[in-house]
């Protein structure tokens, strides 16, 4: 947490930033930034040109550089007309002027991360960001069956472990791996080498479907996640297996099995998934 749907929901909620200009940056905790930490490297003085996402990473592109944001487990980006209250977990604050008659003259964007598993990376251009992103697998939101089969490459790992590897598939974490595997009818412990072509197609479709549905619901809020407006997601109410170990399967009523796979709590249905 957050996974692709939460990061994409954040990206979409922050689109009002486009065309805005960063007036100043206050870096309250320097060690959350990898790369140059100067105000200009953190986009002070820059016009915001675009918001990009690859997997779980969000890039804020300015005229003179890029800030790459990784939300980690508890990271939040929020845009508001009201500056944040004093808080030891708020690590960076941008003051901006946004375009448009409906916008306030001055807005504040801040990055908050209580557990500090996330962070900020600064780059000179999107060319450098794309070099970093070249190490990631295909983006899960648009993955096709043949792409997924190629990414898995018949490996000996359990299919869930492979899905969690961002170099194999970018954007899927524990929540959506369990949910997609359930929809595809595939057991999480099945090895990638035993996945038939038809199963790869079915799994790719399930991944796209569950991620798209979650984005439409604003993502899943289990504890900390909020989008760029401070709004919680509600897809957690539609989880079919994640977090439901021991409860009845929504499809067949069988008690859902909870185990540990790839060091992550994993829930599946012994009857529906093969």
C-alpha atoms as a PDB file:
ATOM      1  CA  UNK A   1       0.000   0.000   0.000  1.00  0.00           C
ATOM      2  CA  UNK A   2      -0.361   2.220  -1.935  1.00  0.00           C
ATOM      3  CA  UNK A   3      -0.381   0.238  -5.185  1.00  0.00           C
ATOM      4  CA  UNK A   4      -1.065   1.295  -8.772  1.00  0.00           C
ATOM      5  CA  UNK A   5      -4.751   2.293  -8.273  1.00  0.00           C
ATOM      6  CA  UNK A   6      -3.904   4.514  -5.327  1.00  0.00           C
ATOM      7  CA  UNK A   7      -1.024   6.198  -7.153  1.00  0.00           C
ATOM      8  CA  UNK A   8      -3.112   6.677 -10.311  1.00  0.00           C
ATOM      9  CA  UNK A   9      -6.002   8.080  -8.241  1.00  0.00           C
ATOM     10  CA  UNK A  10      -3.538  10.493  -6.642  1.00  0.00           C
ATOM     11  CA  UNK A  11      -2.200  11.495 -10.060  1.00  0.00           C
ATOM     12  CA  UNK A  12      -5.682  12.223 -11.404  1.00  0.00           C
ATOM     13  CA  UNK A  13      -6.680  14.187  -8.308  1.00  0.00           C
ATOM     14  CA  UNK A  14      -3.581  16.379  -8.711  1.00  0.00           C
ATOM     15  CA  UNK A  15      -4.224  17.356 -12.340  1.00  0.00           C
ATOM     16  CA  UNK A  16      -5.171  20.906 -11.208  1.00  0.00           C
ATOM     17  CA  UNK A  17      -1.412  21.370 -10.696  1.00  0.00           C
ATOM     18  CA  UNK A  18      -0.871  21.496 -14.467  1.00  0.00           C
ATOM     19  CA  UNK A  19       0.055  24.973 -15.604  1.00  0.00           C
ATOM     20  CA  UNK A  20       0.732  26.074 -12.054  1.00  0.00           C
ATOM     21  CA  UNK A  21       4.009  27.600 -10.977  1.00  0.00           C
ATOM     22  CA  UNK A  22       5.975  26.596  -7.898  1.00  0.00           C
ATOM     23  CA  UNK A  23       6.737  29.714  -5.875  1.00  0.00           C
ATOM     24  CA  UNK A  24       8.784  28.110  -3.106  1.00  0.00           C
ATOM     25  CA  UNK A  25       9.717  24.786  -1.524  1.00  0.00           C
ATOM     26  CA  UNK A  26      10.242  24.006   2.143  1.00  0.00           C
ATOM     27  CA  UNK A  27      12.193  20.787   2.713  1.00  0.00           C
ATOM     28  CA  UNK A  28      11.661  19.817   6.329  1.00  0.00           C
ATOM     29  CA  UNK A  29      13.523  16.502   6.255  1.00  0.00           C
ATOM     30  CA  UNK A  30      16.416  16.336   3.822  1.00  0.00           C
ATOM     31  CA  UNK A  31      16.989  12.583   3.984  1.00  0.00           C
ATOM     32  CA  UNK A  32      13.714  11.803   2.229  1.00  0.00           C
ATOM     33  CA  UNK A  33      15.232  13.205  -1.001  1.00  0.00           C
ATOM     34  CA  UNK A  34      17.602  11.226  -3.221  1.00  0.00           C
ATOM     35  CA  UNK A  35      19.509  13.458  -5.618  1.00  0.00           C
ATOM     36  CA  UNK A  36      20.045  17.232  -5.557  1.00  0.00           C
ATOM     37  CA  UNK A  37      18.040  18.920  -2.784  1.00  0.00           C
ATOM     38  CA  UNK A  38      18.216  22.546  -3.892  1.00  0.00           C
ATOM     39  CA  UNK A  39      14.953  24.512  -4.242  1.00  0.00           C
ATOM     40  CA  UNK A  40      15.327  24.519  -8.029  1.00  0.00           C
ATOM     41  CA  UNK A  41      15.895  20.725  -8.098  1.00  0.00           C
ATOM     42  CA  UNK A  42      12.653  20.448  -6.129  1.00  0.00           C
ATOM     43  CA  UNK A  43      10.940  22.570  -8.839  1.00  0.00           C
ATOM     44  CA  UNK A  44      11.005  26.019  -7.192  1.00  0.00           C
ATOM     45  CA  UNK A  45      10.366  28.523  -9.983  1.00  0.00           C
ATOM     46  CA  UNK A  46       9.182  25.848 -12.424  1.00  0.00           C
ATOM     47  CA  UNK A  47       5.913  25.615 -14.310  1.00  0.00           C
ATOM     48  CA  UNK A  48       4.280  22.210 -13.807  1.00  0.00           C
ATOM     49  CA  UNK A  49       4.083  20.604 -17.259  1.00  0.00           C
ATOM     50  CA  UNK A  50       2.821  17.060 -16.662  1.00  0.00           C
ATOM     51  CA  UNK A  51       2.102  14.312 -14.155  1.00  0.00           C
ATOM     52  CA  UNK A  52       3.340  10.860 -15.170  1.00  0.00           C
ATOM     53  CA  UNK A  53       2.926   7.431 -13.587  1.00  0.00           C
ATOM     54  CA  UNK A  54       4.666   4.116 -14.113  1.00  0.00           C
ATOM     55  CA  UNK A  55       3.664   1.296 -11.803  1.00  0.00           C
ATOM     56  CA  UNK A  56       3.629   2.702  -8.277  1.00  0.00           C
ATOM     57  CA  UNK A  57       5.785   5.754  -9.054  1.00  0.00           C
ATOM     58  CA  UNK A  58       4.542   9.280  -9.789  1.00  0.00           C
ATOM     59  CA  UNK A  59       6.629  11.885 -11.608  1.00  0.00           C
ATOM     60  CA  UNK A  60       5.911  15.615 -11.363  1.00  0.00           C
ATOM     61  CA  UNK A  61       7.503  17.194 -14.432  1.00  0.00           C
ATOM     62  CA  UNK A  62       8.491  20.844 -14.302  1.00  0.00           C
ATOM     63  CA  UNK A  63      10.175  23.173 -16.762  1.00  0.00           C
ATOM     64  CA  UNK A  64      13.574  22.653 -15.183  1.00  0.00           C
ATOM     65  CA  UNK A  65      13.437  19.179 -13.698  1.00  0.00           C
ATOM     66  CA  UNK A  66      11.379  16.327 -12.334  1.00  0.00           C
ATOM     67  CA  UNK A  67      10.435  15.190  -8.830  1.00  0.00           C
ATOM     68  CA  UNK A  68       9.718  11.474  -8.668  1.00  0.00           C
ATOM     69  CA  UNK A  69       7.477  10.432  -5.787  1.00  0.00           C
ATOM     70  CA  UNK A  70       7.289   6.988  -4.251  1.00  0.00           C
ATOM     71  CA  UNK A  71       4.523   6.784  -1.645  1.00  0.00           C
ATOM     72  CA  UNK A  72       5.913   3.640  -0.025  1.00  0.00           C
ATOM     73  CA  UNK A  73       3.521   2.334   2.643  1.00  0.00           C
ATOM     74  CA  UNK A  74       2.170   5.512   4.231  1.00  0.00           C
ATOM     75  CA  UNK A  75       3.108   8.336   1.867  1.00  0.00           C
ATOM     76  CA  UNK A  76       0.560  10.991   0.897  1.00  0.00           C
ATOM     77  CA  UNK A  77       0.563  13.939  -1.500  1.00  0.00           C
ATOM     78  CA  UNK A  78      -2.158  16.486  -0.823  1.00  0.00           C
ATOM     79  CA  UNK A  79      -3.082  19.776  -2.500  1.00  0.00           C
ATOM     80  CA  UNK A  80      -4.983  22.368  -0.502  1.00  0.00           C
ATOM     81  CA  UNK A  81      -5.578  26.092  -0.186  1.00  0.00           C
ATOM     82  CA  UNK A  82      -4.709  25.704   3.503  1.00  0.00           C
ATOM     83  CA  UNK A  83      -1.084  25.047   4.498  1.00  0.00           C
ATOM     84  CA  UNK A  84      -0.544  21.884   6.558  1.00  0.00           C
ATOM     85  CA  UNK A  85      -0.584  22.098  10.328  1.00  0.00           C
ATOM     86  CA  UNK A  86       2.772  21.583  12.047  1.00  0.00           C
ATOM     87  CA  UNK A  87       3.484  17.864  11.818  1.00  0.00           C
ATOM     88  CA  UNK A  88       6.755  15.948  12.157  1.00  0.00           C
ATOM     89  CA  UNK A  89       5.595  13.560   9.434  1.00  0.00           C
ATOM     90  CA  UNK A  90       5.179  16.287   6.760  1.00  0.00           C
ATOM     91  CA  UNK A  91       8.562  16.323   5.041  1.00  0.00           C
ATOM     92  CA  UNK A  92       8.215  18.651   2.015  1.00  0.00           C
ATOM     93  CA  UNK A  93       5.877  21.562   1.266  1.00  0.00           C
ATOM     94  CA  UNK A  94       5.479  23.329  -2.087  1.00  0.00           C
ATOM     95  CA  UNK A  95       3.758  26.704  -2.424  1.00  0.00           C
ATOM     96  CA  UNK A  96       2.172  27.209  -5.862  1.00  0.00           C
ATOM     97  CA  UNK A  97       0.094  29.607  -7.886  1.00  0.00           C
ATOM     98  CA  UNK A  98      -2.382  27.685 -10.025  1.00  0.00           C
ATOM     99  CA  UNK A  99      -4.083  28.860 -13.230  1.00  0.00           C
ATOM    100  CA  UNK A 100      -7.798  29.347 -13.804  1.00  0.00           C
ATOM    101  CA  UNK A 101     -10.462  31.634 -12.363  1.00  0.00           C
ATOM    102  CA  UNK A 102     -11.687  28.980  -9.915  1.00  0.00           C
ATOM    103  CA  UNK A 103      -8.308  28.393  -8.346  1.00  0.00           C
ATOM    104  CA  UNK A 104      -7.148  30.141  -5.193  1.00  0.00           C
ATOM    105  CA  UNK A 105      -4.268  32.564  -5.761  1.00  0.00           C
ATOM    106  CA  UNK A 106      -1.983  30.352  -3.695  1.00  0.00           C
ATOM    107  CA  UNK A 107      -2.133  26.598  -3.113  1.00  0.00           C
ATOM    108  CA  UNK A 108       0.009  24.246  -1.067  1.00  0.00           C
ATOM    109  CA  UNK A 109       1.146  20.746  -1.976  1.00  0.00           C
ATOM    110  CA  UNK A 110       2.743  18.617   0.689  1.00  0.00           C
ATOM    111  CA  UNK A 111       4.358  15.209   1.029  1.00  0.00           C
ATOM    112  CA  UNK A 112       3.682  13.329   4.248  1.00  0.00           C
ATOM    113  CA  UNK A 113       5.066   9.915   5.144  1.00  0.00           C
ATOM    114  CA  UNK A 114       4.913   8.754   8.788  1.00  0.00           C
ATOM    115  CA  UNK A 115       6.832   5.500   8.289  1.00  0.00           C
ATOM    116  CA  UNK A 116       9.268   6.932   5.705  1.00  0.00           C
ATOM    117  CA  UNK A 117       9.303   3.902   3.383  1.00  0.00           C
ATOM    118  CA  UNK A 118       8.608   6.301   0.506  1.00  0.00           C
ATOM    119  CA  UNK A 119      10.542   9.323  -0.644  1.00  0.00           C
ATOM    120  CA  UNK A 120      11.395  11.842  -3.350  1.00  0.00           C
ATOM    121  CA  UNK A 121      13.952  11.570  -6.161  1.00  0.00           C
ATOM    122  CA  UNK A 122      15.094  14.559  -8.204  1.00  0.00           C
ATOM    123  CA  UNK A 123      16.076  14.369 -11.884  1.00  0.00           C
ATOM    124  CA  UNK A 124      17.080  16.844 -14.550  1.00  0.00           C
ATOM    125  CA  UNK A 125      14.555  15.606 -17.114  1.00  0.00           C
ATOM    126  CA  UNK A 126      12.044  12.874 -17.965  1.00  0.00           C
ATOM    127  CA  UNK A 127      14.786  11.213 -20.036  1.00  0.00           C
ATOM    128  CA  UNK A 128      16.516  10.309 -16.761  1.00  0.00           C
ATOM    129  CA  UNK A 129      13.232   9.161 -15.240  1.00  0.00           C
ATOM    130  CA  UNK A 130      12.518   6.904 -18.209  1.00  0.00           C
ATOM    131  CA  UNK A 131      15.992   5.398 -17.799  1.00  0.00           C
ATOM    132  CA  UNK A 132      15.051   4.525 -14.225  1.00  0.00           C
ATOM    133  CA  UNK A 133      11.660   3.206 -15.321  1.00  0.00           C
ATOM    134  CA  UNK A 134      13.289   0.998 -17.964  1.00  0.00           C
ATOM    135  CA  UNK A 135      14.193  -1.357 -15.095  1.00  0.00           C
ATOM    136  CA  UNK A 136      10.500  -1.877 -14.314  1.00  0.00           C
ATOM    137  CA  UNK A 137       8.282  -4.438 -15.974  1.00  0.00           C
ATOM    138  CA  UNK A 138       5.293  -3.534 -18.177  1.00  0.00           C
ATOM    139  CA  UNK A 139       2.697  -1.313 -16.549  1.00  0.00           C
ATOM    140  CA  UNK A 140       0.003  -3.505 -14.991  1.00  0.00           C
ATOM    141  CA  UNK A 141      -2.892  -1.256 -16.026  1.00  0.00           C
ATOM    142  CA  UNK A 142      -2.364  -2.070 -19.707  1.00  0.00           C
ATOM    143  CA  UNK A 143      -0.717  -5.508 -19.528  1.00  0.00           C
ATOM    144  CA  UNK A 144      -1.742  -7.948 -22.268  1.00  0.00           C
ATOM    145  CA  UNK A 145      -1.728 -11.728 -22.105  1.00  0.00           C
ATOM    146  CA  UNK A 146       1.327 -12.137 -24.389  1.00  0.00           C
ATOM    147  CA  UNK A 147       3.193  -9.400 -22.480  1.00  0.00           C
ATOM    148  CA  UNK A 148       2.453 -11.094 -19.177  1.00  0.00           C
ATOM    149  CA  UNK A 149       3.536 -14.499 -20.502  1.00  0.00           C
ATOM    150  CA  UNK A 150       6.789 -12.971 -21.766  1.00  0.00           C
ATOM    151  CA  UNK A 151       7.413 -11.169 -18.465  1.00  0.00           C
ATOM    152  CA  UNK A 152       6.845 -14.366 -16.480  1.00  0.00           C
ATOM    153  CA  UNK A 153       9.003 -16.299 -18.952  1.00  0.00           C
ATOM    154  CA  UNK A 154       8.044 -19.688 -17.508  1.00  0.00           C
ATOM    155  CA  UNK A 155       9.955 -19.075 -14.280  1.00  0.00           C
ATOM    156  CA  UNK A 156       9.960 -21.429 -11.297  1.00  0.00           C
ATOM    157  CA  UNK A 157       8.616 -18.869  -8.815  1.00  0.00           C
ATOM    158  CA  UNK A 158       5.086 -18.964  -7.491  1.00  0.00           C
ATOM    159  CA  UNK A 159       2.878 -16.813  -9.689  1.00  0.00           C
ATOM    160  CA  UNK A 160       2.047 -14.438  -6.836  1.00  0.00           C
ATOM    161  CA  UNK A 161       5.730 -13.889  -6.063  1.00  0.00           C
ATOM    162  CA  UNK A 162       6.303 -13.060  -9.724  1.00  0.00           C
ATOM    163  CA  UNK A 163       3.419 -10.574  -9.767  1.00  0.00           C
ATOM    164  CA  UNK A 164       4.863  -8.765  -6.734  1.00  0.00           C
ATOM    165  CA  UNK A 165       8.233  -8.310  -8.472  1.00  0.00           C
ATOM    166  CA  UNK A 166       8.188  -4.811  -9.953  1.00  0.00           C
ATOM    167  CA  UNK A 167      10.823  -5.812 -12.507  1.00  0.00           C
ATOM    168  CA  UNK A 168       8.328  -8.360 -13.826  1.00  0.00           C
ATOM    169  CA  UNK A 169       5.144  -6.288 -13.635  1.00  0.00           C
ATOM    170  CA  UNK A 170       4.965  -2.685 -12.469  1.00  0.00           C
ATOM    171  CA  UNK A 171       2.201  -1.639 -10.106  1.00  0.00           C
ATOM    172  CA  UNK A 172       0.781  -4.764  -8.461  1.00  0.00           C
ATOM    173  CA  UNK A 173       1.229  -5.360  -4.734  1.00  0.00           C
ATOM    174  CA  UNK A 174      -0.293  -7.692  -2.189  1.00  0.00           C
ATOM    175  CA  UNK A 175      -3.884  -6.458  -2.439  1.00  0.00           C
ATOM    176  CA  UNK A 176      -4.333  -6.612  -6.186  1.00  0.00           C
ATOM    177  CA  UNK A 177      -2.257  -9.771  -6.665  1.00  0.00           C
ATOM    178  CA  UNK A 178      -4.683 -11.662  -4.416  1.00  0.00           C
ATOM    179  CA  UNK A 179      -7.712 -10.040  -6.043  1.00  0.00           C
ATOM    180  CA  UNK A 180      -6.582 -10.653  -9.636  1.00  0.00           C
ATOM    181  CA  UNK A 181      -5.581 -14.258  -8.981  1.00  0.00           C
ATOM    182  CA  UNK A 182      -8.994 -14.927  -7.467  1.00  0.00           C
ATOM    183  CA  UNK A 183     -10.794 -13.436 -10.454  1.00  0.00           C
ATOM    184  CA  UNK A 184      -8.620 -15.472 -12.809  1.00  0.00           C
ATOM    185  CA  UNK A 185      -9.209 -18.682 -10.837  1.00  0.00           C
ATOM    186  CA  UNK A 186      -5.473 -19.292 -10.322  1.00  0.00           C
ATOM    187  CA  UNK A 187      -3.899 -20.399  -7.059  1.00  0.00           C
ATOM    188  CA  UNK A 188      -1.205 -17.984  -5.853  1.00  0.00           C
ATOM    189  CA  UNK A 189       1.267 -20.825  -5.246  1.00  0.00           C
ATOM    190  CA  UNK A 190       1.077 -22.177  -8.805  1.00  0.00           C
ATOM    191  CA  UNK A 191       4.436 -21.832 -10.525  1.00  0.00           C
ATOM    192  CA  UNK A 192       4.719 -19.495 -13.478  1.00  0.00           C
ATOM    193  CA  UNK A 193       6.139 -22.335 -15.576  1.00  0.00           C
ATOM    194  CA  UNK A 194       2.847 -24.226 -15.226  1.00  0.00           C
ATOM    195  CA  UNK A 195       0.727 -21.295 -16.378  1.00  0.00           C
ATOM    196  CA  UNK A 196      -0.949 -22.096 -19.692  1.00  0.00           C
ATOM    197  CA  UNK A 197      -1.308 -19.453 -22.393  1.00  0.00           C
ATOM    198  CA  UNK A 198      -5.049 -19.236 -21.749  1.00  0.00           C
ATOM    199  CA  UNK A 199      -4.377 -18.676 -18.049  1.00  0.00           C
ATOM    200  CA  UNK A 200      -1.933 -15.862 -18.861  1.00  0.00           C
ATOM    201  CA  UNK A 201      -4.625 -14.205 -20.972  1.00  0.00           C
ATOM    202  CA  UNK A 202      -7.191 -14.652 -18.202  1.00  0.00           C
ATOM    203  CA  UNK A 203      -4.843 -13.339 -15.523  1.00  0.00           C
ATOM    204  CA  UNK A 204      -3.827 -10.285 -17.575  1.00  0.00           C
ATOM    205  CA  UNK A 205      -7.504  -9.464 -18.127  1.00  0.00           C
ATOM    206  CA  UNK A 206      -8.206  -9.896 -14.398  1.00  0.00           C
ATOM    207  CA  UNK A 207      -5.313  -7.599 -13.485  1.00  0.00           C
ATOM    208  CA  UNK A 208      -6.518  -4.866 -15.845  1.00  0.00           C
ATOM    209  CA  UNK A 209     -10.103  -5.267 -14.650  1.00  0.00           C
ATOM    210  CA  UNK A 210      -9.452  -5.110 -10.908  1.00  0.00           C
ATOM    211  CA  UNK A 211      -7.027  -2.188 -11.224  1.00  0.00           C
ATOM    212  CA  UNK A 212      -9.468  -0.216 -13.395  1.00  0.00           C
ATOM    213  CA  UNK A 213     -12.357  -0.872 -11.007  1.00  0.00           C
ATOM    214  CA  UNK A 214     -10.258   0.232  -8.055  1.00  0.00           C
ATOM    215  CA  UNK A 215      -9.206   3.444  -9.801  1.00  0.00           C
ATOM    216  CA  UNK A 216     -12.866   4.217 -10.484  1.00  0.00           C
ATOM    217  CA  UNK A 217     -13.496   3.812  -6.739  1.00  0.00           C
ATOM    218  CA  UNK A 218     -10.552   6.012  -5.771  1.00  0.00           C
ATOM    219  CA  UNK A 219      -8.376   3.100  -4.661  1.00  0.00           C
ATOM    220  CA  UNK A 220      -8.409   1.123  -1.422  1.00  0.00           C
ATOM    221  CA  UNK A 221      -8.048   2.888   1.929  1.00  0.00           C
ATOM    222  CA  UNK A 222      -7.106   0.399   4.628  1.00  0.00           C
ATOM    223  CA  UNK A 223      -5.549   2.914   7.004  1.00  0.00           C
ATOM    224  CA  UNK A 224      -3.471   5.836   5.726  1.00  0.00           C
ATOM    225  CA  UNK A 225      -4.158   6.273   2.026  1.00  0.00           C
ATOM    226  CA  UNK A 226      -5.864   9.468   0.791  1.00  0.00           C
ATOM    227  CA  UNK A 227      -5.782  10.975  -2.703  1.00  0.00           C
ATOM    228  CA  UNK A 228      -4.489  14.441  -3.549  1.00  0.00           C
ATOM    229  CA  UNK A 229      -7.653  16.085  -2.241  1.00  0.00           C
ATOM    230  CA  UNK A 230      -7.580  14.213   1.072  1.00  0.00           C
ATOM    231  CA  UNK A 231     -10.361  11.832   0.005  1.00  0.00           C
ATOM    232  CA  UNK A 232     -10.274   8.167   1.016  1.00  0.00           C
ATOM    233  CA  UNK A 233     -10.888   5.403  -1.521  1.00  0.00           C
ATOM    234  CA  UNK A 234     -13.668   2.864  -1.090  1.00  0.00           C
ATOM    235  CA  UNK A 235     -12.614  -0.148  -3.170  1.00  0.00           C
ATOM    236  CA  UNK A 236     -11.748  -2.002   0.049  1.00  0.00           C
ATOM    237  CA  UNK A 237     -15.468  -2.684   0.447  1.00  0.00           C
ATOM    238  CA  UNK A 238     -15.279  -4.718  -2.793  1.00  0.00           C
ATOM    239  CA  UNK A 239     -12.277  -6.898  -1.936  1.00  0.00           C
ATOM    240  CA  UNK A 240     -13.236 -10.512  -2.575  1.00  0.00           C
ATOM    241  CA  UNK A 241     -10.297 -12.234  -0.876  1.00  0.00           C
ATOM    242  CA  UNK A 242      -7.700  -9.764   0.416  1.00  0.00           C
ATOM    243  CA  UNK A 243      -7.981  -9.419   4.198  1.00  0.00           C
ATOM    244  CA  UNK A 244     -10.810 -11.984   4.330  1.00  0.00           C
ATOM    245  CA  UNK A 245      -8.965 -15.118   5.458  1.00  0.00           C
ATOM    246  CA  UNK A 246     -11.341 -17.522   7.226  1.00  0.00           C
ATOM    247  CA  UNK A 247     -14.440 -15.844   5.805  1.00  0.00           C
ATOM    248  CA  UNK A 248     -16.701 -17.485   3.206  1.00  0.00           C
ATOM    249  CA  UNK A 249     -15.782 -17.176  -0.480  1.00  0.00           C
ATOM    250  CA  UNK A 250     -18.068 -14.711  -2.235  1.00  0.00           C
ATOM    251  CA  UNK A 251     -18.431 -17.155  -5.136  1.00  0.00           C
ATOM    252  CA  UNK A 252     -18.868 -20.585  -3.543  1.00  0.00           C
ATOM    253  CA  UNK A 253     -19.085 -20.096   0.222  1.00  0.00           C
ATOM    254  CA  UNK A 254     -15.973 -22.164   0.998  1.00  0.00           C
ATOM    255  CA  UNK A 255     -13.889 -20.880   3.905  1.00  0.00           C
ATOM    256  CA  UNK A 256     -11.054 -18.806   2.436  1.00  0.00           C
ATOM    257  CA  UNK A 257      -7.541 -20.059   3.142  1.00  0.00           C
ATOM    258  CA  UNK A 258      -4.942 -17.688   4.580  1.00  0.00           C
ATOM    259  CA  UNK A 259      -1.265 -18.513   4.295  1.00  0.00           C
ATOM    260  CA  UNK A 260       2.107 -16.812   3.773  1.00  0.00           C
ATOM    261  CA  UNK A 261       3.658 -16.675   0.314  1.00  0.00           C
ATOM    262  CA  UNK A 262       6.646 -14.579  -0.739  1.00  0.00           C
ATOM    263  CA  UNK A 263       6.679 -13.311   2.869  1.00  0.00           C
ATOM    264  CA  UNK A 264       3.249 -11.782   2.369  1.00  0.00           C
ATOM    265  CA  UNK A 265      -0.105 -12.748   3.852  1.00  0.00           C
ATOM    266  CA  UNK A 266      -2.027 -14.454   1.061  1.00  0.00           C
ATOM    267  CA  UNK A 267      -5.720 -15.345   0.875  1.00  0.00           C
ATOM    268  CA  UNK A 268      -7.354 -17.584  -1.736  1.00  0.00           C
ATOM    269  CA  UNK A 269     -10.192 -20.059  -2.284  1.00  0.00           C
ATOM    270  CA  UNK A 270      -9.182 -23.718  -2.489  1.00  0.00           C
ATOM    271  CA  UNK A 271     -12.285 -24.499  -4.509  1.00  0.00           C
ATOM    272  CA  UNK A 272     -12.382 -21.617  -7.004  1.00  0.00           C
ATOM    273  CA  UNK A 273      -8.645 -21.315  -7.638  1.00  0.00           C
ATOM    274  CA  UNK A 274      -6.620 -24.114  -9.217  1.00  0.00           C
END
